[in-house]
Amino acid sequence: MAQVNKCGEETKHPSPPLRAPKPGCKLATAPWSCCHQAEPMDKPLASPILKNVLSVAKRLGVCRSTIHAWVQKGLFSPPIKLGRSSRWLTSEVNDWVTLQARTRKSS
């Protein structure tokens, strides 16, 4: 039995309603999808794999210049360069924080 998708087209594959389509939509990429279909809001957003210097500085509670100074002194991992942008892997930042916690002096 054919069903009608959100764009008013017949389909054999039902899709869960996420939001109403725009009137007259003919841009569906597959019979069961719609170009206006949004991602369900109940899924949490994954944290980005790469973070910029502001995100890293905020995570560590320091200013951007401190991050750059630590890189120059070899105390922090160097960034991945993407054109003129500098990015750090979230996993490397987390590993650095874990290492700092393990090597801290007990008071």
PDB file of N, CA and C in Angstrom:
ATOM      1  N   MET A   1       0.838  -1.188   0.000  1.00  0.00           N
ATOM      2  CA  MET A   1       0.000   0.000   0.000  1.00  0.00           C
ATOM      3  C   MET A   1       0.876   1.242   0.000  1.00  0.00           C
ATOM      4  N   ALA A   2       0.672   2.108  -0.932  1.00  0.00           N
ATOM      5  CA  ALA A   2       1.464   3.329  -1.038  1.00  0.00           C
ATOM      6  C   ALA A   2       0.989   4.362  -0.027  1.00  0.00           C
ATOM      7  N   GLN A   3       1.943   5.095   0.528  1.00  0.00           N
ATOM      8  CA  GLN A   3       1.636   6.184   1.447  1.00  0.00           C
ATOM      9  C   GLN A   3       2.095   7.474   0.816  1.00  0.00           C
ATOM     10  N   VAL A   4       1.645   8.573   1.360  1.00  0.00           N
ATOM     11  CA  VAL A   4       2.031   9.890   0.852  1.00  0.00           C
ATOM     12  C   VAL A   4       3.050  10.473   1.812  1.00  0.00           C
ATOM     13  N   ASN A   5       4.213  10.898   1.266  1.00  0.00           N
ATOM     14  CA  ASN A   5       5.227  11.510   2.125  1.00  0.00           C
ATOM     15  C   ASN A   5       4.863  12.965   2.399  1.00  0.00           C
ATOM     16  N   LYS A   6       5.741  13.658   3.120  1.00  0.00           N
ATOM     17  CA  LYS A   6       5.451  15.029   3.531  1.00  0.00           C
ATOM     18  C   LYS A   6       5.354  16.003   2.377  1.00  0.00           C
ATOM     19  N   CYS A   7       5.858  15.638   1.238  1.00  0.00           N
ATOM     20  CA  CYS A   7       5.793  16.523   0.080  1.00  0.00           C
ATOM     21  C   CYS A   7       4.595  16.189  -0.809  1.00  0.00           C
ATOM     22  N   GLY A   8       3.760  15.256  -0.356  1.00  0.00           N
ATOM     23  CA  GLY A   8       2.587  14.902  -1.115  1.00  0.00           C
ATOM     24  C   GLY A   8       2.848  13.872  -2.199  1.00  0.00           C
ATOM     25  N   GLU A   9       4.017  13.255  -2.203  1.00  0.00           N
ATOM     26  CA  GLU A   9       4.358  12.253  -3.208  1.00  0.00           C
ATOM     27  C   GLU A   9       4.074  10.866  -2.651  1.00  0.00           C
ATOM     28  N   GLU A  10       3.659   9.949  -3.528  1.00  0.00           N
ATOM     29  CA  GLU A  10       3.397   8.585  -3.081  1.00  0.00           C
ATOM     30  C   GLU A  10       4.711   7.859  -2.832  1.00  0.00           C
ATOM     31  N   THR A  11       4.727   7.041  -1.788  1.00  0.00           N
ATOM     32  CA  THR A  11       5.918   6.291  -1.434  1.00  0.00           C
ATOM     33  C   THR A  11       5.525   4.977  -0.794  1.00  0.00           C
ATOM     34  N   LYS A  12       6.400   3.990  -0.885  1.00  0.00           N
ATOM     35  CA  LYS A  12       6.178   2.705  -0.235  1.00  0.00           C
ATOM     36  C   LYS A  12       6.861   2.669   1.123  1.00  0.00           C
ATOM     37  N   HIS A  13       7.714   3.660   1.404  1.00  0.00           N
ATOM     38  CA  HIS A  13       8.491   3.705   2.633  1.00  0.00           C
ATOM     39  C   HIS A  13       7.967   4.827   3.515  1.00  0.00           C
ATOM     40  N   PRO A  14       7.307   4.493   4.620  1.00  0.00           N
ATOM     41  CA  PRO A  14       6.810   5.562   5.488  1.00  0.00           C
ATOM     42  C   PRO A  14       7.958   6.241   6.221  1.00  0.00           C
ATOM     43  N   SER A  15       7.844   7.515   6.437  1.00  0.00           N
ATOM     44  CA  SER A  15       8.836   8.244   7.219  1.00  0.00           C
ATOM     45  C   SER A  15       8.124   8.915   8.376  1.00  0.00           C
ATOM     46  N   PRO A  16       8.783   8.979   9.527  1.00  0.00           N
ATOM     47  CA  PRO A  16       8.133   9.612  10.669  1.00  0.00           C
ATOM     48  C   PRO A  16       7.989  11.111  10.426  1.00  0.00           C
ATOM     49  N   PRO A  17       6.875  11.680  10.785  1.00  0.00           N
ATOM     50  CA  PRO A  17       6.698  13.121  10.567  1.00  0.00           C
ATOM     51  C   PRO A  17       7.575  13.910  11.526  1.00  0.00           C
ATOM     52  N   LEU A  18       8.408  14.779  10.993  1.00  0.00           N
ATOM     53  CA  LEU A  18       9.273  15.620  11.816  1.00  0.00           C
ATOM     54  C   LEU A  18       8.815  17.070  11.777  1.00  0.00           C
ATOM     55  N   ARG A  19       8.398  17.551  10.646  1.00  0.00           N
ATOM     56  CA  ARG A  19       7.804  18.871  10.520  1.00  0.00           C
ATOM     57  C   ARG A  19       7.117  18.941   9.159  1.00  0.00           C
ATOM     58  N   ALA A  20       6.267  19.892   8.999  1.00  0.00           N
ATOM     59  CA  ALA A  20       5.492  20.002   7.766  1.00  0.00           C
ATOM     60  C   ALA A  20       6.399  20.434   6.618  1.00  0.00           C
ATOM     61  N   PRO A  21       6.159  19.877   5.409  1.00  0.00           N
ATOM     62  CA  PRO A  21       6.966  20.287   4.256  1.00  0.00           C
ATOM     63  C   PRO A  21       6.502  21.639   3.734  1.00  0.00           C
ATOM     64  N   LYS A  22       7.360  22.247   2.967  1.00  0.00           N
ATOM     65  CA  LYS A  22       6.964  23.481   2.299  1.00  0.00           C
ATOM     66  C   LYS A  22       6.001  23.123   1.170  1.00  0.00           C
ATOM     67  N   PRO A  23       5.012  23.958   0.899  1.00  0.00           N
ATOM     68  CA  PRO A  23       4.045  23.647  -0.156  1.00  0.00           C
ATOM     69  C   PRO A  23       4.727  23.463  -1.504  1.00  0.00           C
ATOM     70  N   GLY A  24       4.343  22.410  -2.217  1.00  0.00           N
ATOM     71  CA  GLY A  24       4.852  22.166  -3.556  1.00  0.00           C
ATOM     72  C   GLY A  24       6.263  21.636  -3.629  1.00  0.00           C
ATOM     73  N   CYS A  25       6.792  21.048  -2.546  1.00  0.00           N
ATOM     74  CA  CYS A  25       8.164  20.556  -2.547  1.00  0.00           C
ATOM     75  C   CYS A  25       8.319  19.406  -3.521  1.00  0.00           C
ATOM     76  N   LYS A  26       9.231  19.504  -4.432  1.00  0.00           N
ATOM     77  CA  LYS A  26       9.527  18.440  -5.396  1.00  0.00           C
ATOM     78  C   LYS A  26      10.996  18.031  -5.324  1.00  0.00           C
ATOM     79  N   LEU A  27      11.695  18.418  -4.239  1.00  0.00           N
ATOM     80  CA  LEU A  27      13.139  18.199  -4.138  1.00  0.00           C
ATOM     81  C   LEU A  27      13.512  17.008  -3.266  1.00  0.00           C
ATOM     82  N   ALA A  28      12.604  16.073  -3.063  1.00  0.00           N
ATOM     83  CA  ALA A  28      12.916  14.917  -2.230  1.00  0.00           C
ATOM     84  C   ALA A  28      14.064  14.139  -2.869  1.00  0.00           C
ATOM     85  N   THR A  29      15.034  13.731  -2.062  1.00  0.00           N
ATOM     86  CA  THR A  29      16.198  13.017  -2.581  1.00  0.00           C
ATOM     87  C   THR A  29      15.932  11.533  -2.734  1.00  0.00           C
ATOM     88  N   ALA A  30      14.927  11.003  -2.086  1.00  0.00           N
ATOM     89  CA  ALA A  30      14.522   9.609  -2.200  1.00  0.00           C
ATOM     90  C   ALA A  30      13.029   9.555  -1.947  1.00  0.00           C
ATOM     91  N   PRO A  31      12.354   8.497  -2.378  1.00  0.00           N
ATOM     92  CA  PRO A  31      10.906   8.447  -2.217  1.00  0.00           C
ATOM     93  C   PRO A  31      10.446   8.529  -0.770  1.00  0.00           C
ATOM     94  N   TRP A  32      11.285   8.149   0.187  1.00  0.00           N
ATOM     95  CA  TRP A  32      10.880   8.146   1.590  1.00  0.00           C
ATOM     96  C   TRP A  32      11.461   9.321   2.379  1.00  0.00           C
ATOM     97  N   SER A  33      12.152  10.221   1.710  1.00  0.00           N
ATOM     98  CA  SER A  33      12.725  11.359   2.422  1.00  0.00           C
ATOM     99  C   SER A  33      12.218  12.657   1.826  1.00  0.00           C
ATOM    100  N   CYS A  34      12.563  13.718   2.465  1.00  0.00           N
ATOM    101  CA  CYS A  34      12.125  15.035   2.016  1.00  0.00           C
ATOM    102  C   CYS A  34      13.266  16.013   2.243  1.00  0.00           C
ATOM    103  N   CYS A  35      13.406  16.956   1.359  1.00  0.00           N
ATOM    104  CA  CYS A  35      14.479  17.933   1.494  1.00  0.00           C
ATOM    105  C   CYS A  35      14.256  18.832   2.703  1.00  0.00           C
ATOM    106  N   HIS A  36      13.052  18.865   3.241  1.00  0.00           N
ATOM    107  CA  HIS A  36      12.739  19.727   4.380  1.00  0.00           C
ATOM    108  C   HIS A  36      12.669  18.950   5.687  1.00  0.00           C
ATOM    109  N   GLN A  37      13.099  17.698   5.644  1.00  0.00           N
ATOM    110  CA  GLN A  37      13.032  16.863   6.828  1.00  0.00           C
ATOM    111  C   GLN A  37      14.166  17.238   7.776  1.00  0.00           C
ATOM    112  N   ALA A  38      13.837  17.528   9.017  1.00  0.00           N
ATOM    113  CA  ALA A  38      14.832  17.906  10.013  1.00  0.00           C
ATOM    114  C   ALA A  38      15.232  16.690  10.833  1.00  0.00           C
ATOM    115  N   GLU A  39      16.382  16.784  11.471  1.00  0.00           N
ATOM    116  CA  GLU A  39      16.810  15.727  12.376  1.00  0.00           C
ATOM    117  C   GLU A  39      15.926  15.761  13.623  1.00  0.00           C
ATOM    118  N   PRO A  40      15.604  14.597  14.174  1.00  0.00           N
ATOM    119  CA  PRO A  40      14.824  14.590  15.412  1.00  0.00           C
ATOM    120  C   PRO A  40      15.577  15.326  16.516  1.00  0.00           C
ATOM    121  N   MET A  41      14.870  16.071  17.336  1.00  0.00           N
ATOM    122  CA  MET A  41      15.497  16.876  18.371  1.00  0.00           C
ATOM    123  C   MET A  41      15.808  16.078  19.632  1.00  0.00           C
ATOM    124  N   ASP A  42      15.386  14.807  19.701  1.00  0.00           N
ATOM    125  CA  ASP A  42      15.643  14.030  20.903  1.00  0.00           C
ATOM    126  C   ASP A  42      17.047  13.447  20.940  1.00  0.00           C
ATOM    127  N   LYS A  43      17.789  13.515  19.820  1.00  0.00           N
ATOM    128  CA  LYS A  43      19.165  13.016  19.799  1.00  0.00           C
ATOM    129  C   LYS A  43      20.114  14.125  20.268  1.00  0.00           C
ATOM    130  N   PRO A  44      21.018  13.833  21.218  1.00  0.00           N
ATOM    131  CA  PRO A  44      21.972  14.858  21.641  1.00  0.00           C
ATOM    132  C   PRO A  44      22.993  15.118  20.542  1.00  0.00           C
ATOM    133  N   LEU A  45      23.447  16.341  20.444  1.00  0.00           N
ATOM    134  CA  LEU A  45      24.466  16.698  19.467  1.00  0.00           C
ATOM    135  C   LEU A  45      25.818  16.194  19.940  1.00  0.00           C
ATOM    136  N   ALA A  46      26.560  15.604  19.055  1.00  0.00           N
ATOM    137  CA  ALA A  46      27.898  15.123  19.389  1.00  0.00           C
ATOM    138  C   ALA A  46      28.847  16.311  19.476  1.00  0.00           C
ATOM    139  N   SER A  47      29.804  16.237  20.378  1.00  0.00           N
ATOM    140  CA  SER A  47      30.767  17.326  20.462  1.00  0.00           C
ATOM    141  C   SER A  47      31.670  17.276  19.239  1.00  0.00           C
ATOM    142  N   PRO A  48      32.121  18.427  18.775  1.00  0.00           N
ATOM    143  CA  PRO A  48      32.962  18.436  17.588  1.00  0.00           C
ATOM    144  C   PRO A  48      34.299  17.749  17.833  1.00  0.00           C
ATOM    145  N   ILE A  49      34.844  17.146  16.790  1.00  0.00           N
ATOM    146  CA  ILE A  49      36.116  16.452  16.896  1.00  0.00           C
ATOM    147  C   ILE A  49      37.255  17.459  16.987  1.00  0.00           C
ATOM    148  N   LEU A  50      37.138  18.568  16.257  1.00  0.00           N
ATOM    149  CA  LEU A  50      38.160  19.607  16.264  1.00  0.00           C
ATOM    150  C   LEU A  50      37.641  20.839  16.978  1.00  0.00           C
ATOM    151  N   LYS A  51      38.487  21.438  17.801  1.00  0.00           N
ATOM    152  CA  LYS A  51      38.115  22.642  18.539  1.00  0.00           C
ATOM    153  C   LYS A  51      39.080  23.769  18.187  1.00  0.00           C
ATOM    154  N   ASN A  52      38.553  24.983  18.102  1.00  0.00           N
ATOM    155  CA  ASN A  52      39.407  26.138  17.845  1.00  0.00           C
ATOM    156  C   ASN A  52      40.057  26.610  19.138  1.00  0.00           C
ATOM    157  N   VAL A  53      40.919  27.596  19.038  1.00  0.00           N
ATOM    158  CA  VAL A  53      41.688  28.038  20.200  1.00  0.00           C
ATOM    159  C   VAL A  53      40.784  28.622  21.282  1.00  0.00           C
ATOM    160  N   LEU A  54      39.692  29.279  20.903  1.00  0.00           N
ATOM    161  CA  LEU A  54      38.776  29.814  21.914  1.00  0.00           C
ATOM    162  C   LEU A  54      38.113  28.702  22.715  1.00  0.00           C
ATOM    163  N   SER A  55      37.700  27.638  22.024  1.00  0.00           N
ATOM    164  CA  SER A  55      37.072  26.503  22.705  1.00  0.00           C
ATOM    165  C   SER A  55      38.057  25.795  23.627  1.00  0.00           C
ATOM    166  N   VAL A  56      39.284  25.637  23.159  1.00  0.00           N
ATOM    167  CA  VAL A  56      40.315  24.988  23.984  1.00  0.00           C
ATOM    168  C   VAL A  56      40.621  25.853  25.207  1.00  0.00           C
ATOM    169  N   ALA A  57      40.785  27.149  24.998  1.00  0.00           N
ATOM    170  CA  ALA A  57      41.087  28.058  26.105  1.00  0.00           C
ATOM    171  C   ALA A  57      39.955  28.058  27.130  1.00  0.00           C
ATOM    172  N   LYS A  58      38.726  28.064  26.643  1.00  0.00           N
ATOM    173  CA  LYS A  58      37.579  28.039  27.553  1.00  0.00           C
ATOM    174  C   LYS A  58      37.544  26.730  28.332  1.00  0.00           C
ATOM    175  N   ARG A  59      37.827  25.621  27.658  1.00  0.00           N
ATOM    176  CA  ARG A  59      37.836  24.302  28.320  1.00  0.00           C
ATOM    177  C   ARG A  59      38.878  24.254  29.426  1.00  0.00           C
ATOM    178  N   LEU A  60      40.034  24.891  29.184  1.00  0.00           N
ATOM    179  CA  LEU A  60      41.129  24.843  30.151  1.00  0.00           C
ATOM    180  C   LEU A  60      41.108  26.007  31.132  1.00  0.00           C
ATOM    181  N   GLY A  61      40.256  27.002  30.890  1.00  0.00           N
ATOM    182  CA  GLY A  61      40.160  28.137  31.803  1.00  0.00           C
ATOM    183  C   GLY A  61      41.328  29.096  31.702  1.00  0.00           C
ATOM    184  N   VAL A  62      41.891  29.240  30.513  1.00  0.00           N
ATOM    185  CA  VAL A  62      43.004  30.158  30.281  1.00  0.00           C
ATOM    186  C   VAL A  62      42.677  31.014  29.057  1.00  0.00           C
ATOM    187  N   CYS A  63      43.523  31.987  28.765  1.00  0.00           N
ATOM    188  CA  CYS A  63      43.292  32.818  27.582  1.00  0.00           C
ATOM    189  C   CYS A  63      44.003  32.210  26.368  1.00  0.00           C
ATOM    190  N   ARG A  64      43.651  32.722  25.195  1.00  0.00           N
ATOM    191  CA  ARG A  64      44.209  32.189  23.943  1.00  0.00           C
ATOM    192  C   ARG A  64      45.724  32.299  23.902  1.00  0.00           C
ATOM    193  N   SER A  65      46.247  33.410  24.392  1.00  0.00           N
ATOM    194  CA  SER A  65      47.696  33.597  24.330  1.00  0.00           C
ATOM    195  C   SER A  65      48.433  32.561  25.178  1.00  0.00           C
ATOM    196  N   THR A  66      47.805  32.104  26.238  1.00  0.00           N
ATOM    197  CA  THR A  66      48.418  31.068  27.066  1.00  0.00           C
ATOM    198  C   THR A  66      48.531  29.763  26.286  1.00  0.00           C
ATOM    199  N   ILE A  67      47.483  29.433  25.536  1.00  0.00           N
ATOM    200  CA  ILE A  67      47.526  28.215  24.709  1.00  0.00           C
ATOM    201  C   ILE A  67      48.685  28.300  23.722  1.00  0.00           C
ATOM    202  N   HIS A  68      48.800  29.434  23.032  1.00  0.00           N
ATOM    203  CA  HIS A  68      49.878  29.602  22.051  1.00  0.00           C
ATOM    204  C   HIS A  68      51.252  29.580  22.714  1.00  0.00           C
ATOM    205  N   ALA A  69      51.371  30.156  23.900  1.00  0.00           N
ATOM    206  CA  ALA A  69      52.651  30.133  24.626  1.00  0.00           C
ATOM    207  C   ALA A  69      53.015  28.709  25.033  1.00  0.00           C
ATOM    208  N   TRP A  70      52.036  27.941  25.496  1.00  0.00           N
ATOM    209  CA  TRP A  70      52.290  26.551  25.864  1.00  0.00           C
ATOM    210  C   TRP A  70      52.741  25.738  24.657  1.00  0.00           C
ATOM    211  N   VAL A  71      52.148  25.998  23.491  1.00  0.00           N
ATOM    212  CA  VAL A  71      52.557  25.288  22.268  1.00  0.00           C
ATOM    213  C   VAL A  71      53.997  25.641  21.935  1.00  0.00           C
ATOM    214  N   GLN A  72      54.353  26.940  22.011  1.00  0.00           N
ATOM    215  CA  GLN A  72      55.718  27.378  21.704  1.00  0.00           C
ATOM    216  C   GLN A  72      56.741  26.747  22.645  1.00  0.00           C
ATOM    217  N   LYS A  73      56.378  26.576  23.920  1.00  0.00           N
ATOM    218  CA  LYS A  73      57.280  25.989  24.908  1.00  0.00           C
ATOM    219  C   LYS A  73      57.261  24.472  24.912  1.00  0.00           C
ATOM    220  N   GLY A  74      56.383  23.862  24.096  1.00  0.00           N
ATOM    221  CA  GLY A  74      56.283  22.413  24.046  1.00  0.00           C
ATOM    222  C   GLY A  74      55.484  21.817  25.192  1.00  0.00           C
ATOM    223  N   LEU A  75      54.716  22.642  25.887  1.00  0.00           N
ATOM    224  CA  LEU A  75      53.921  22.152  27.012  1.00  0.00           C
ATOM    225  C   LEU A  75      52.531  21.679  26.594  1.00  0.00           C
ATOM    226  N   PHE A  76      52.132  21.991  25.378  1.00  0.00           N
ATOM    227  CA  PHE A  76      50.806  21.630  24.875  1.00  0.00           C
ATOM    228  C   PHE A  76      50.952  21.173  23.436  1.00  0.00           C
ATOM    229  N   SER A  77      50.082  20.290  23.006  1.00  0.00           N
ATOM    230  CA  SER A  77      50.199  19.734  21.651  1.00  0.00           C
ATOM    231  C   SER A  77      49.997  20.823  20.596  1.00  0.00           C
ATOM    232  N   PRO A  78      50.767  20.767  19.520  1.00  0.00           N
ATOM    233  CA  PRO A  78      50.606  21.760  18.455  1.00  0.00           C
ATOM    234  C   PRO A  78      49.283  21.543  17.729  1.00  0.00           C
ATOM    235  N   PRO A  79      48.732  22.607  17.164  1.00  0.00           N
ATOM    236  CA  PRO A  79      47.442  22.481  16.484  1.00  0.00           C
ATOM    237  C   PRO A  79      47.566  21.841  15.115  1.00  0.00           C
ATOM    238  N   ILE A  80      46.432  21.398  14.616  1.00  0.00           N
ATOM    239  CA  ILE A  80      46.318  20.969  13.230  1.00  0.00           C
ATOM    240  C   ILE A  80      45.994  22.229  12.440  1.00  0.00           C
ATOM    241  N   LYS A  81      46.767  22.511  11.409  1.00  0.00           N
ATOM    242  CA  LYS A  81      46.543  23.718  10.612  1.00  0.00           C
ATOM    243  C   LYS A  81      45.614  23.382   9.450  1.00  0.00           C
ATOM    244  N   LEU A  82      44.527  24.116   9.342  1.00  0.00           N
ATOM    245  CA  LEU A  82      43.577  24.009   8.238  1.00  0.00           C
ATOM    246  C   LEU A  82      43.525  25.376   7.577  1.00  0.00           C
ATOM    247  N   GLY A  83      44.344  25.538   6.550  1.00  0.00           N
ATOM    248  CA  GLY A  83      44.466  26.872   5.954  1.00  0.00           C
ATOM    249  C   GLY A  83      45.122  27.792   6.968  1.00  0.00           C
ATOM    250  N   ARG A  84      44.442  28.878   7.301  1.00  0.00           N
ATOM    251  CA  ARG A  84      44.962  29.804   8.316  1.00  0.00           C
ATOM    252  C   ARG A  84      44.431  29.486   9.707  1.00  0.00           C
ATOM    253  N   SER A  85      43.575  28.491   9.809  1.00  0.00           N
ATOM    254  CA  SER A  85      42.954  28.145  11.085  1.00  0.00           C
ATOM    255  C   SER A  85      43.782  27.115  11.834  1.00  0.00           C
ATOM    256  N   SER A  86      43.722  27.199  13.145  1.00  0.00           N
ATOM    257  CA  SER A  86      44.361  26.216  14.023  1.00  0.00           C
ATOM    258  C   SER A  86      43.269  25.469  14.766  1.00  0.00           C
ATOM    259  N   ARG A  87      43.361  24.158  14.753  1.00  0.00           N
ATOM    260  CA  ARG A  87      42.367  23.333  15.440  1.00  0.00           C
ATOM    261  C   ARG A  87      43.085  22.243  16.244  1.00  0.00           C
ATOM    262  N   TRP A  88      42.476  21.866  17.368  1.00  0.00           N
ATOM    263  CA  TRP A  88      42.998  20.796  18.207  1.00  0.00           C
ATOM    264  C   TRP A  88      41.981  19.674  18.266  1.00  0.00           C
ATOM    265  N   LEU A  89      42.462  18.451  18.284  1.00  0.00           N
ATOM    266  CA  LEU A  89      41.587  17.307  18.467  1.00  0.00           C
ATOM    267  C   LEU A  89      41.052  17.316  19.893  1.00  0.00           C
ATOM    268  N   THR A  90      39.760  17.134  20.030  1.00  0.00           N
ATOM    269  CA  THR A  90      39.146  17.101  21.354  1.00  0.00           C
ATOM    270  C   THR A  90      39.776  16.004  22.201  1.00  0.00           C
ATOM    271  N   SER A  91      40.067  14.872  21.580  1.00  0.00           N
ATOM    272  CA  SER A  91      40.665  13.757  22.320  1.00  0.00           C
ATOM    273  C   SER A  91      42.049  14.121  22.865  1.00  0.00           C
ATOM    274  N   GLU A  92      42.837  14.895  22.081  1.00  0.00           N
ATOM    275  CA  GLU A  92      44.168  15.306  22.556  1.00  0.00           C
ATOM    276  C   GLU A  92      44.064  16.275  23.724  1.00  0.00           C
ATOM    277  N   VAL A  93      43.102  17.183  23.657  1.00  0.00           N
ATOM    278  CA  VAL A  93      42.902  18.133  24.765  1.00  0.00           C
ATOM    279  C   VAL A  93      42.484  17.362  26.015  1.00  0.00           C
ATOM    280  N   ASN A  94      41.552  16.432  25.866  1.00  0.00           N
ATOM    281  CA  ASN A  94      41.107  15.631  27.012  1.00  0.00           C
ATOM    282  C   ASN A  94      42.241  14.786  27.575  1.00  0.00           C
ATOM    283  N   ASP A  95      43.071  14.219  26.699  1.00  0.00           N
ATOM    284  CA  ASP A  95      44.223  13.429  27.155  1.00  0.00           C
ATOM    285  C   ASP A  95      45.214  14.305  27.915  1.00  0.00           C
ATOM    286  N   TRP A  96      45.419  15.539  27.446  1.00  0.00           N
ATOM    287  CA  TRP A  96      46.333  16.456  28.120  1.00  0.00           C
ATOM    288  C   TRP A  96      45.826  16.784  29.520  1.00  0.00           C
ATOM    289  N   VAL A  97      44.518  17.023  29.641  1.00  0.00           N
ATOM    290  CA  VAL A  97      43.921  17.316  30.950  1.00  0.00           C
ATOM    291  C   VAL A  97      44.103  16.114  31.878  1.00  0.00           C
ATOM    292  N   THR A  98      43.881  14.918  31.373  1.00  0.00           N
ATOM    293  CA  THR A  98      44.055  13.701  32.176  1.00  0.00           C
ATOM    294  C   THR A  98      45.499  13.550  32.626  1.00  0.00           C
ATOM    295  N   LEU A  99      46.440  13.813  31.721  1.00  0.00           N
ATOM    296  CA  LEU A  99      47.866  13.734  32.071  1.00  0.00           C
ATOM    297  C   LEU A  99      48.220  14.752  33.149  1.00  0.00           C
ATOM    298  N   GLN A 100      47.703  15.958  33.036  1.00  0.00           N
ATOM    299  CA  GLN A 100      47.981  16.989  34.043  1.00  0.00           C
ATOM    300  C   GLN A 100      47.427  16.571  35.401  1.00  0.00           C
ATOM    301  N   ALA A 101      46.274  15.942  35.401  1.00  0.00           N
ATOM    302  CA  ALA A 101      45.678  15.490  36.671  1.00  0.00           C
ATOM    303  C   ALA A 101      46.514  14.368  37.288  1.00  0.00           C
ATOM    304  N   ARG A 102      47.062  13.491  36.471  1.00  0.00           N
ATOM    305  CA  ARG A 102      47.870  12.380  36.990  1.00  0.00           C
ATOM    306  C   ARG A 102      49.217  12.842  37.525  1.00  0.00           C
ATOM    307  N   THR A 103      49.782  13.868  36.897  1.00  0.00           N
ATOM    308  CA  THR A 103      51.136  14.287  37.273  1.00  0.00           C
ATOM    309  C   THR A 103      51.157  15.445  38.268  1.00  0.00           C
ATOM    310  N   ARG A 104      50.017  15.888  38.739  1.00  0.00           N
ATOM    311  CA  ARG A 104      49.994  17.019  39.681  1.00  0.00           C
ATOM    312  C   ARG A 104      50.581  16.605  41.021  1.00  0.00           C
ATOM    313  N   LYS A 105      51.130  17.578  41.676  1.00  0.00           N
ATOM    314  CA  LYS A 105      51.734  17.334  42.982  1.00  0.00           C
ATOM    315  C   LYS A 105      50.618  17.318  44.026  1.00  0.00           C
ATOM    316  N   SER A 106      50.663  16.342  44.896  1.00  0.00           N
ATOM    317  CA  SER A 106      49.662  16.304  45.971  1.00  0.00           C
ATOM    318  C   SER A 106      50.082  17.285  47.045  1.00  0.00           C
ATOM    319  N   SER A 107      49.100  17.980  47.608  1.00  0.00           N
ATOM    320  CA  SER A 107      49.444  18.995  48.608  1.00  0.00           C
ATOM    321  C   SER A 107      49.074  18.562  49.998  1.00  0.00           C
TER     322      SER A 107
END
